[in-house]
């Protein structure tokens, strides 16, 4: 399990899809970040990094628990 802080660099429709896919609560600051760190499963971390590589998000902080 990882605790991750994410900055969204995409349109709101894409933000909602990413939140749904990874189980991220629908809480985003006015700056486009998640409201605190969110839990991401180990098996989803590679896909989250691929999402970052494609330019949809920026992983600001990731801590392995």
N, C-alpha and C. Protein backbone atom coordinates (compact mmCIF):
# COMPACT_ATOMS: atom_id res chain seq x y z
N UNK A 1 0.85 -1.17 0.00
CA UNK A 1 0.00 0.00 0.00
C UNK A 1 0.89 1.24 0.00
N UNK A 2 0.49 2.23 -0.74
CA UNK A 2 1.19 3.51 -0.82
C UNK A 2 0.28 4.63 -0.35
N UNK A 3 0.85 5.66 0.22
CA UNK A 3 0.17 6.91 0.50
C UNK A 3 0.70 7.91 -0.52
N UNK A 4 -0.18 8.46 -1.34
CA UNK A 4 0.23 9.26 -2.48
C UNK A 4 -0.50 10.60 -2.48
N UNK A 5 0.22 11.66 -2.80
CA UNK A 5 -0.39 12.97 -3.05
C UNK A 5 -0.27 13.23 -4.54
N UNK A 6 -1.39 13.59 -5.17
CA UNK A 6 -1.45 13.70 -6.63
C UNK A 6 -1.86 15.11 -7.03
N UNK A 7 -1.20 15.63 -8.06
CA UNK A 7 -1.58 16.89 -8.69
C UNK A 7 -2.17 16.54 -10.05
N UNK A 8 -3.39 16.98 -10.32
CA UNK A 8 -4.06 16.68 -11.58
C UNK A 8 -3.74 17.75 -12.62
N UNK A 9 -3.30 17.31 -13.80
CA UNK A 9 -2.92 18.21 -14.88
C UNK A 9 -3.84 18.05 -16.09
N UNK A 10 -5.07 17.60 -15.87
CA UNK A 10 -5.96 17.27 -16.98
C UNK A 10 -7.33 17.90 -16.77
N UNK A 11 -8.23 17.65 -17.73
CA UNK A 11 -9.60 18.17 -17.65
C UNK A 11 -10.37 17.44 -16.55
N UNK A 12 -11.45 18.08 -16.07
CA UNK A 12 -12.22 17.50 -14.97
C UNK A 12 -12.81 16.14 -15.30
N UNK A 13 -13.20 15.93 -16.55
CA UNK A 13 -13.75 14.61 -16.92
C UNK A 13 -12.70 13.52 -16.68
N UNK A 14 -11.46 13.83 -17.02
CA UNK A 14 -10.37 12.86 -16.82
C UNK A 14 -10.04 12.70 -15.34
N UNK A 15 -10.12 13.78 -14.59
CA UNK A 15 -9.89 13.71 -13.14
C UNK A 15 -10.88 12.74 -12.52
N UNK A 16 -12.17 12.86 -12.88
CA UNK A 16 -13.19 11.98 -12.32
C UNK A 16 -12.95 10.53 -12.69
N UNK A 17 -12.52 10.28 -13.92
CA UNK A 17 -12.22 8.89 -14.34
C UNK A 17 -11.05 8.32 -13.55
N UNK A 18 -10.01 9.12 -13.36
CA UNK A 18 -8.83 8.67 -12.60
C UNK A 18 -9.22 8.41 -11.15
N UNK A 19 -10.01 9.30 -10.56
CA UNK A 19 -10.45 9.10 -9.17
C UNK A 19 -11.26 7.82 -9.04
N UNK A 20 -12.14 7.57 -9.99
CA UNK A 20 -12.96 6.36 -9.95
C UNK A 20 -12.12 5.11 -10.11
N UNK A 21 -11.19 5.12 -11.05
CA UNK A 21 -10.36 3.94 -11.34
C UNK A 21 -9.51 3.53 -10.14
N UNK A 22 -8.93 4.52 -9.45
CA UNK A 22 -8.00 4.22 -8.36
C UNK A 22 -8.64 4.34 -6.98
N UNK A 23 -9.93 4.64 -6.90
CA UNK A 23 -10.61 4.74 -5.62
C UNK A 23 -10.19 5.97 -4.81
N UNK A 24 -9.87 7.05 -5.51
CA UNK A 24 -9.45 8.29 -4.85
C UNK A 24 -10.69 9.09 -4.50
N UNK A 25 -10.79 9.56 -3.25
CA UNK A 25 -11.96 10.37 -2.87
C UNK A 25 -12.07 11.62 -3.74
N UNK A 26 -13.30 12.05 -4.01
CA UNK A 26 -13.52 13.22 -4.86
C UNK A 26 -13.35 14.49 -4.04
N UNK A 27 -12.15 14.72 -3.64
CA UNK A 27 -11.79 15.91 -2.89
C UNK A 27 -10.52 16.47 -3.52
N UNK A 28 -10.65 17.60 -4.18
CA UNK A 28 -9.51 18.23 -4.85
C UNK A 28 -9.43 19.68 -4.42
N UNK A 29 -8.22 20.14 -4.11
CA UNK A 29 -8.03 21.53 -3.70
C UNK A 29 -8.17 22.45 -4.90
N UNK A 30 -8.24 23.75 -4.65
CA UNK A 30 -8.31 24.72 -5.74
C UNK A 30 -7.03 24.72 -6.56
N UNK A 31 -5.94 24.18 -5.99
CA UNK A 31 -4.68 24.09 -6.71
C UNK A 31 -4.57 22.82 -7.54
N UNK A 32 -5.59 21.96 -7.51
CA UNK A 32 -5.58 20.75 -8.32
C UNK A 32 -4.94 19.54 -7.68
N UNK A 33 -4.71 19.58 -6.37
CA UNK A 33 -4.14 18.44 -5.66
C UNK A 33 -5.22 17.69 -4.90
N UNK A 34 -4.91 16.43 -4.58
CA UNK A 34 -5.80 15.69 -3.71
C UNK A 34 -5.76 16.32 -2.32
N UNK A 35 -6.85 16.21 -1.59
CA UNK A 35 -6.93 16.78 -0.23
C UNK A 35 -6.21 15.84 0.72
N UNK A 36 -4.92 15.92 0.76
CA UNK A 36 -4.12 15.04 1.59
C UNK A 36 -3.67 13.82 0.80
N UNK A 37 -2.95 12.95 1.47
CA UNK A 37 -2.47 11.72 0.84
C UNK A 37 -3.60 10.71 0.73
N UNK A 38 -3.61 9.97 -0.37
CA UNK A 38 -4.65 8.97 -0.60
C UNK A 38 -4.00 7.59 -0.71
N UNK A 39 -4.69 6.53 -0.27
CA UNK A 39 -4.13 5.18 -0.35
C UNK A 39 -4.25 4.62 -1.78
N UNK A 40 -3.17 4.03 -2.26
CA UNK A 40 -3.13 3.37 -3.57
C UNK A 40 -2.58 1.96 -3.35
N UNK A 41 -3.26 0.96 -3.90
CA UNK A 41 -2.82 -0.42 -3.76
C UNK A 41 -1.50 -0.63 -4.51
N UNK A 42 -0.70 -1.58 -4.02
CA UNK A 42 0.58 -1.90 -4.65
C UNK A 42 0.41 -2.25 -6.12
N UNK A 43 -0.62 -3.05 -6.43
CA UNK A 43 -0.80 -3.51 -7.81
C UNK A 43 -1.27 -2.39 -8.75
N UNK A 44 -1.76 -1.28 -8.20
CA UNK A 44 -2.20 -0.15 -9.02
C UNK A 44 -1.12 0.91 -9.23
N UNK A 45 -0.01 0.79 -8.51
CA UNK A 45 1.01 1.83 -8.54
C UNK A 45 1.67 1.95 -9.92
N UNK A 46 1.91 0.83 -10.60
CA UNK A 46 2.52 0.89 -11.94
C UNK A 46 1.60 1.62 -12.92
N UNK A 47 0.31 1.36 -12.85
CA UNK A 47 -0.64 2.04 -13.72
C UNK A 47 -0.73 3.53 -13.39
N UNK A 48 -0.65 3.87 -12.11
CA UNK A 48 -0.65 5.27 -11.70
C UNK A 48 0.60 5.99 -12.25
N UNK A 49 1.74 5.32 -12.20
CA UNK A 49 2.97 5.92 -12.76
C UNK A 49 2.86 6.07 -14.27
N UNK A 50 2.20 5.15 -14.94
CA UNK A 50 1.97 5.27 -16.39
C UNK A 50 1.05 6.45 -16.68
N UNK A 51 0.06 6.66 -15.83
CA UNK A 51 -0.83 7.82 -15.97
C UNK A 51 -0.03 9.11 -15.82
N UNK A 52 0.94 9.11 -14.92
CA UNK A 52 1.81 10.27 -14.76
C UNK A 52 2.69 10.46 -16.00
N UNK A 53 3.25 9.37 -16.51
CA UNK A 53 4.12 9.45 -17.69
C UNK A 53 3.37 10.03 -18.89
N UNK A 54 2.09 9.74 -18.98
CA UNK A 54 1.27 10.23 -20.10
C UNK A 54 0.83 11.68 -19.90
N UNK A 55 1.13 12.28 -18.75
CA UNK A 55 0.89 13.69 -18.54
C UNK A 55 -0.44 14.07 -17.92
N UNK A 56 -1.19 13.11 -17.41
CA UNK A 56 -2.48 13.40 -16.79
C UNK A 56 -2.34 13.89 -15.35
N UNK A 57 -1.33 13.37 -14.66
CA UNK A 57 -1.14 13.71 -13.25
C UNK A 57 0.34 13.92 -12.98
N UNK A 58 0.62 14.44 -11.78
CA UNK A 58 1.99 14.49 -11.27
C UNK A 58 1.93 13.90 -9.86
N UNK A 59 2.76 12.92 -9.59
CA UNK A 59 2.83 12.34 -8.25
C UNK A 59 3.76 13.23 -7.44
N UNK A 60 3.20 13.92 -6.47
CA UNK A 60 3.98 14.87 -5.67
C UNK A 60 4.69 14.18 -4.50
N UNK A 61 4.07 13.11 -3.99
CA UNK A 61 4.64 12.41 -2.85
C UNK A 61 4.11 10.98 -2.87
N UNK A 62 4.99 10.01 -2.69
CA UNK A 62 4.55 8.62 -2.61
C UNK A 62 5.38 7.92 -1.51
N UNK A 63 4.68 7.39 -0.53
CA UNK A 63 5.33 6.71 0.58
C UNK A 63 4.81 5.29 0.64
N UNK A 64 5.72 4.32 0.64
CA UNK A 64 5.35 2.91 0.78
C UNK A 64 5.10 2.62 2.24
N UNK A 65 3.92 2.07 2.52
CA UNK A 65 3.58 1.73 3.93
C UNK A 65 3.96 0.31 4.25
